[in-house]
Amino acid sequence: MNISEIANEAGLQLAECLGKVNDTQMEQLEDAICEAKRIFVFGAGRSMLMLRCLAMRLMHLGLVSYVVGDTTTPAFGKGDLLITASGSGTTSGVVNVARKAKTLGGKIAVMTIKRESELGMLADYLVEIPAYTDKVQYKDLKRPLLPGGSLFEQSVLLLGDALVLPISEKEKIPTDMAFTLHANLE
């Protein structure tokens, strides 16, 4: 296969995976974001990169969002929402941050493959993504063309971007407002 054929096949596999994500779980995450005083995101590796994209999109809508670990991120507290992503749901750093956020009185949203994972059990809002990853093999999940956790990570990215439309509609924020809040010190 050439590169465009690989990308096309990966896109088809991604579409198949996203088609199996529970709409009710996504709507609950949407509501949680809209109800939160502030939104914080945290993950590890490529999952964290995808969540950074979500934090940016939320900021573009005028919502208050932060990336845990950045030097300008304030203290987390009651009324805040932590959105995490971990395919396995066992990434120790992510689990520890979620545990801490829970003790501080905030709500936890988890995007994961495994509902029964430690992270999944901490979730107030859970989005199950039925994506195979090389790190942990799950029965009934087919190995995709792209390696590692690409299918999970790309699902996190697209689901995060997809949240923007219903949130902007619910909050009556035009999506073209994002351009006015886009970084301009470039």
C-alpha atoms as a PDB file:
ATOM      1  CA  MET A   1       0.000   0.000   0.000  1.00  0.00           C
ATOM      2  CA  ASN A   2       1.146   3.531  -0.656  1.00  0.00           C
ATOM      3  CA  ILE A   3       0.853   6.300   1.948  1.00  0.00           C
ATOM      4  CA  SER A   4      -2.496   7.665   0.722  1.00  0.00           C
ATOM      5  CA  GLU A   5      -3.967   4.144   0.747  1.00  0.00           C
ATOM      6  CA  ILE A   6      -2.691   3.614   4.300  1.00  0.00           C
ATOM      7  CA  ALA A   7      -4.192   6.945   5.392  1.00  0.00           C
ATOM      8  CA  ASN A   8      -7.496   6.126   3.700  1.00  0.00           C
ATOM      9  CA  GLU A   9      -7.707   2.691   5.358  1.00  0.00           C
ATOM     10  CA  ALA A  10      -6.815   4.242   8.739  1.00  0.00           C
ATOM     11  CA  GLY A  11      -9.579   6.810   8.212  1.00  0.00           C
ATOM     12  CA  LEU A  12     -12.109   4.063   7.524  1.00  0.00           C
ATOM     13  CA  GLN A  13     -11.031   2.229  10.680  1.00  0.00           C
ATOM     14  CA  LEU A  14     -11.302   5.456  12.665  1.00  0.00           C
ATOM     15  CA  ALA A  15     -14.815   6.086  11.327  1.00  0.00           C
ATOM     16  CA  GLU A  16     -15.823   2.531  12.285  1.00  0.00           C
ATOM     17  CA  CYS A  17     -14.487   3.030  15.824  1.00  0.00           C
ATOM     18  CA  LEU A  18     -16.177   6.418  16.270  1.00  0.00           C
ATOM     19  CA  GLY A  19     -19.454   4.963  15.046  1.00  0.00           C
ATOM     20  CA  LYS A  20     -19.452   2.691  18.108  1.00  0.00           C
ATOM     21  CA  VAL A  21     -18.988   5.466  20.698  1.00  0.00           C
ATOM     22  CA  ASN A  22     -22.057   5.868  22.899  1.00  0.00           C
ATOM     23  CA  ASP A  23     -23.938   9.110  22.111  1.00  0.00           C
ATOM     24  CA  THR A  24     -25.354   9.355  25.632  1.00  0.00           C
ATOM     25  CA  GLN A  25     -21.855   9.249  27.123  1.00  0.00           C
ATOM     26  CA  MET A  26     -20.758  12.057  24.793  1.00  0.00           C
ATOM     27  CA  GLU A  27     -23.844  14.134  25.625  1.00  0.00           C
ATOM     28  CA  GLN A  28     -23.093  13.732  29.338  1.00  0.00           C
ATOM     29  CA  LEU A  29     -19.534  14.964  28.728  1.00  0.00           C
ATOM     30  CA  GLU A  30     -20.917  17.897  26.748  1.00  0.00           C
ATOM     31  CA  ASP A  31     -23.242  18.806  29.647  1.00  0.00           C
ATOM     32  CA  ALA A  32     -20.411  18.453  32.166  1.00  0.00           C
ATOM     33  CA  ILE A  33     -18.237  20.842  30.147  1.00  0.00           C
ATOM     34  CA  CYS A  34     -21.048  23.392  29.901  1.00  0.00           C
ATOM     35  CA  GLU A  35     -21.793  23.166  33.638  1.00  0.00           C
ATOM     36  CA  ALA A  36     -18.161  23.325  34.807  1.00  0.00           C
ATOM     37  CA  LYS A  37     -16.735  26.477  36.318  1.00  0.00           C
ATOM     38  CA  ARG A  38     -13.390  25.641  34.678  1.00  0.00           C
ATOM     39  CA  ILE A  39     -12.124  22.726  32.579  1.00  0.00           C
ATOM     40  CA  PHE A  40      -8.739  21.082  33.118  1.00  0.00           C
ATOM     41  CA  VAL A  41      -7.261  18.374  30.877  1.00  0.00           C
ATOM     42  CA  PHE A  42      -4.627  15.763  31.629  1.00  0.00           C
ATOM     43  CA  GLY A  43      -3.183  12.674  29.997  1.00  0.00           C
ATOM     44  CA  ALA A  44       0.153  11.156  29.091  1.00  0.00           C
ATOM     45  CA  GLY A  45       2.008  11.006  25.799  1.00  0.00           C
ATOM     46  CA  ARG A  46      -0.039  11.364  22.646  1.00  0.00           C
ATOM     47  CA  SER A  47      -3.301  11.255  24.606  1.00  0.00           C
ATOM     48  CA  MET A  48      -2.186  14.434  26.366  1.00  0.00           C
ATOM     49  CA  LEU A  49      -1.464  16.074  23.009  1.00  0.00           C
ATOM     50  CA  MET A  50      -5.020  15.314  21.874  1.00  0.00           C
ATOM     51  CA  LEU A  51      -6.415  16.778  25.111  1.00  0.00           C
ATOM     52  CA  ARG A  52      -4.328  19.924  24.611  1.00  0.00           C
ATOM     53  CA  CYS A  53      -6.212  20.346  21.338  1.00  0.00           C
ATOM     54  CA  LEU A  54      -9.514  20.060  23.219  1.00  0.00           C
ATOM     55  CA  ALA A  55      -8.418  22.657  25.802  1.00  0.00           C
ATOM     56  CA  MET A  56      -7.534  25.007  22.945  1.00  0.00           C
ATOM     57  CA  ARG A  57     -10.892  24.502  21.228  1.00  0.00           C
ATOM     58  CA  LEU A  58     -12.731  25.186  24.492  1.00  0.00           C
ATOM     59  CA  MET A  59     -10.677  28.355  25.012  1.00  0.00           C
ATOM     60  CA  HIS A  60     -11.562  29.434  21.475  1.00  0.00           C
ATOM     61  CA  LEU A  61     -15.230  29.187  22.492  1.00  0.00           C
ATOM     62  CA  GLY A  62     -14.533  31.483  25.433  1.00  0.00           C
ATOM     63  CA  LEU A  63     -14.655  28.751  28.079  1.00  0.00           C
ATOM     64  CA  VAL A  64     -12.033  28.686  30.824  1.00  0.00           C
ATOM     65  CA  SER A  65      -9.729  25.749  30.154  1.00  0.00           C
ATOM     66  CA  TYR A  66      -6.303  24.706  31.370  1.00  0.00           C
ATOM     67  CA  VAL A  67      -3.710  21.998  30.786  1.00  0.00           C
ATOM     68  CA  VAL A  68      -2.557  20.367  34.029  1.00  0.00           C
ATOM     69  CA  GLY A  69       1.183  20.829  34.421  1.00  0.00           C
ATOM     70  CA  ASP A  70       1.491  24.098  32.528  1.00  0.00           C
ATOM     71  CA  THR A  71       3.103  26.836  34.617  1.00  0.00           C
ATOM     72  CA  THR A  72       0.048  29.108  34.409  1.00  0.00           C
ATOM     73  CA  THR A  73      -2.482  26.479  35.454  1.00  0.00           C
ATOM     74  CA  PRO A  74      -4.253  27.518  38.679  1.00  0.00           C
ATOM     75  CA  ALA A  75      -5.417  25.356  41.588  1.00  0.00           C
ATOM     76  CA  PHE A  76      -8.206  22.875  40.864  1.00  0.00           C
ATOM     77  CA  GLY A  77     -11.304  22.897  43.053  1.00  0.00           C
ATOM     78  CA  LYS A  78     -15.002  22.382  43.565  1.00  0.00           C
ATOM     79  CA  GLY A  79     -17.041  23.111  40.457  1.00  0.00           C
ATOM     80  CA  ASP A  80     -14.128  22.274  38.167  1.00  0.00           C
ATOM     81  CA  LEU A  81     -13.986  19.423  35.650  1.00  0.00           C
ATOM     82  CA  LEU A  82     -10.922  17.316  34.890  1.00  0.00           C
ATOM     83  CA  ILE A  83     -11.013  15.578  31.496  1.00  0.00           C
ATOM     84  CA  THR A  84      -8.551  12.700  31.189  1.00  0.00           C
ATOM     85  CA  ALA A  85      -7.696  10.193  28.487  1.00  0.00           C
ATOM     86  CA  SER A  86      -5.925   6.862  28.853  1.00  0.00           C
ATOM     87  CA  GLY A  87      -6.490   3.904  26.575  1.00  0.00           C
ATOM     88  CA  SER A  88      -5.717   1.363  29.286  1.00  0.00           C
ATOM     89  CA  GLY A  89      -7.193   3.435  32.093  1.00  0.00           C
ATOM     90  CA  THR A  90      -4.210   2.437  34.235  1.00  0.00           C
ATOM     91  CA  THR A  91      -1.592   5.087  33.403  1.00  0.00           C
ATOM     92  CA  SER A  92      -0.330   5.811  36.917  1.00  0.00           C
ATOM     93  CA  GLY A  93       0.251   9.550  36.518  1.00  0.00           C
ATOM     94  CA  VAL A  94      -3.218  10.069  35.074  1.00  0.00           C
ATOM     95  CA  VAL A  95      -4.848   7.931  37.770  1.00  0.00           C
ATOM     96  CA  ASN A  96      -2.996   9.878  40.492  1.00  0.00           C
ATOM     97  CA  VAL A  97      -4.077  13.260  39.108  1.00  0.00           C
ATOM     98  CA  ALA A  98      -7.697  12.069  38.811  1.00  0.00           C
ATOM     99  CA  ARG A  99      -7.615  10.785  42.390  1.00  0.00           C
ATOM    100  CA  LYS A 100      -6.265  14.126  43.607  1.00  0.00           C
ATOM    101  CA  ALA A 101      -8.906  16.073  41.636  1.00  0.00           C
ATOM    102  CA  LYS A 102     -11.610  13.924  43.225  1.00  0.00           C
ATOM    103  CA  THR A 103     -10.345  14.743  46.736  1.00  0.00           C
ATOM    104  CA  LEU A 104     -10.390  18.455  45.831  1.00  0.00           C
ATOM    105  CA  GLY A 105     -14.124  18.249  45.101  1.00  0.00           C
ATOM    106  CA  GLY A 106     -14.104  18.382  41.316  1.00  0.00           C
ATOM    107  CA  LYS A 107     -15.679  16.099  38.747  1.00  0.00           C
ATOM    108  CA  ILE A 108     -13.747  13.644  36.586  1.00  0.00           C
ATOM    109  CA  ALA A 109     -14.416  12.823  32.926  1.00  0.00           C
ATOM    110  CA  VAL A 110     -12.561   9.835  31.501  1.00  0.00           C
ATOM    111  CA  MET A 111     -12.032   8.778  27.906  1.00  0.00           C
ATOM    112  CA  THR A 112     -10.777   5.185  27.880  1.00  0.00           C
ATOM    113  CA  ILE A 113     -11.079   1.789  26.285  1.00  0.00           C
ATOM    114  CA  LYS A 114     -11.660   0.032  29.614  1.00  0.00           C
ATOM    115  CA  ARG A 115     -14.659   0.985  31.735  1.00  0.00           C
ATOM    116  CA  GLU A 116     -13.513  -1.386  34.508  1.00  0.00           C
ATOM    117  CA  SER A 117     -10.068   0.201  34.787  1.00  0.00           C
ATOM    118  CA  GLU A 118      -8.914   2.150  37.824  1.00  0.00           C
ATOM    119  CA  LEU A 119      -9.394   5.419  35.952  1.00  0.00           C
ATOM    120  CA  GLY A 120     -12.793   4.306  34.672  1.00  0.00           C
ATOM    121  CA  MET A 121     -13.907   3.602  38.226  1.00  0.00           C
ATOM    122  CA  LEU A 122     -12.991   7.164  39.280  1.00  0.00           C
ATOM    123  CA  ALA A 123     -15.101   8.684  36.486  1.00  0.00           C
ATOM    124  CA  ASP A 124     -18.139  10.834  37.065  1.00  0.00           C
ATOM    125  CA  TYR A 125     -18.470  10.905  33.273  1.00  0.00           C
ATOM    126  CA  LEU A 126     -17.161   8.059  31.155  1.00  0.00           C
ATOM    127  CA  VAL A 127     -16.667   7.872  27.406  1.00  0.00           C
ATOM    128  CA  GLU A 128     -15.736   4.395  26.234  1.00  0.00           C
ATOM    129  CA  ILE A 129     -13.757   4.307  23.004  1.00  0.00           C
ATOM    130  CA  PRO A 130     -13.642   0.798  21.491  1.00  0.00           C
ATOM    131  CA  ALA A 131     -10.135   1.117  20.058  1.00  0.00           C
ATOM    132  CA  TYR A 132      -7.449  -1.535  20.037  1.00  0.00           C
ATOM    133  CA  THR A 133      -4.027  -0.526  21.335  1.00  0.00           C
ATOM    134  CA  ASP A 134      -0.740  -2.420  21.209  1.00  0.00           C
ATOM    135  CA  LYS A 135      -0.113  -1.604  24.878  1.00  0.00           C
ATOM    136  CA  VAL A 136      -2.980  -3.752  26.144  1.00  0.00           C
ATOM    137  CA  GLN A 137      -4.913  -6.219  24.041  1.00  0.00           C
ATOM    138  CA  TYR A 138      -8.658  -6.351  24.586  1.00  0.00           C
ATOM    139  CA  LYS A 139     -10.852  -9.200  23.445  1.00  0.00           C
ATOM    140  CA  ASP A 140     -13.285  -8.399  20.663  1.00  0.00           C
ATOM    141  CA  LEU A 141     -11.200  -5.458  19.413  1.00  0.00           C
ATOM    142  CA  LYS A 142      -9.532  -5.817  16.041  1.00  0.00           C
ATOM    143  CA  ARG A 143      -5.960  -4.629  15.561  1.00  0.00           C
ATOM    144  CA  PRO A 144      -6.007  -1.566  13.265  1.00  0.00           C
ATOM    145  CA  LEU A 145      -3.547  -0.774  10.505  1.00  0.00           C
ATOM    146  CA  LEU A 146      -1.712   2.019  12.343  1.00  0.00           C
ATOM    147  CA  PRO A 147       0.502   1.011  15.287  1.00  0.00           C
ATOM    148  CA  GLY A 148       0.436   1.735  18.994  1.00  0.00           C
ATOM    149  CA  GLY A 149      -2.559   3.588  20.310  1.00  0.00           C
ATOM    150  CA  SER A 150      -3.126   5.648  17.167  1.00  0.00           C
ATOM    151  CA  LEU A 151      -6.783   4.640  16.842  1.00  0.00           C
ATOM    152  CA  PHE A 152      -7.547   5.618  20.456  1.00  0.00           C
ATOM    153  CA  GLU A 153      -5.605   8.879  20.281  1.00  0.00           C
ATOM    154  CA  GLN A 154      -7.162   9.937  16.977  1.00  0.00           C
ATOM    155  CA  SER A 155     -10.586   9.118  18.411  1.00  0.00           C
ATOM    156  CA  VAL A 156      -9.893  11.397  21.389  1.00  0.00           C
ATOM    157  CA  LEU A 157      -8.907  14.195  18.984  1.00  0.00           C
ATOM    158  CA  LEU A 158     -11.975  13.873  16.750  1.00  0.00           C
ATOM    159  CA  LEU A 159     -14.417  13.444  19.637  1.00  0.00           C
ATOM    160  CA  GLY A 160     -12.946  16.557  21.248  1.00  0.00           C
ATOM    161  CA  ASP A 161     -13.321  18.545  18.042  1.00  0.00           C
ATOM    162  CA  ALA A 162     -16.842  17.183  17.548  1.00  0.00           C
ATOM    163  CA  LEU A 163     -17.847  18.448  21.011  1.00  0.00           C
ATOM    164  CA  VAL A 164     -17.277  22.023  19.840  1.00  0.00           C
ATOM    165  CA  LEU A 165     -20.380  22.180  17.638  1.00  0.00           C
ATOM    166  CA  PRO A 166     -23.047  21.160  20.178  1.00  0.00           C
ATOM    167  CA  ILE A 167     -21.344  23.182  22.933  1.00  0.00           C
ATOM    168  CA  SER A 168     -21.235  26.291  20.742  1.00  0.00           C
ATOM    169  CA  GLU A 169     -24.897  25.774  19.872  1.00  0.00           C
ATOM    170  CA  LYS A 170     -25.977  25.167  23.487  1.00  0.00           C
ATOM    171  CA  GLU A 171     -23.970  28.136  24.804  1.00  0.00           C
ATOM    172  CA  LYS A 172     -24.982  30.307  21.825  1.00  0.00           C
ATOM    173  CA  ILE A 173     -21.355  30.957  20.917  1.00  0.00           C
ATOM    174  CA  PRO A 174     -20.749  31.277  17.166  1.00  0.00           C
ATOM    175  CA  THR A 175     -17.902  29.011  16.083  1.00  0.00           C
ATOM    176  CA  ASP A 176     -16.396  31.850  14.050  1.00  0.00           C
ATOM    177  CA  MET A 177     -15.762  33.572  17.398  1.00  0.00           C
ATOM    178  CA  ALA A 178     -12.843  31.160  17.705  1.00  0.00           C
ATOM    179  CA  PHE A 179     -10.868  33.245  15.253  1.00  0.00           C
ATOM    180  CA  THR A 180     -11.140  36.309  17.513  1.00  0.00           C
ATOM    181  CA  LEU A 181      -9.632  34.318  20.415  1.00  0.00           C
ATOM    182  CA  HIS A 182      -6.963  32.621  18.302  1.00  0.00           C
ATOM    183  CA  ALA A 183      -3.363  33.421  19.263  1.00  0.00           C
ATOM    184  CA  ASN A 184      -2.235  36.625  17.561  1.00  0.00           C
ATOM    185  CA  LEU A 185       1.386  36.914  18.732  1.00  0.00           C
ATOM    186  CA  GLU A 186       2.589  34.789  15.867  1.00  0.00           C
END
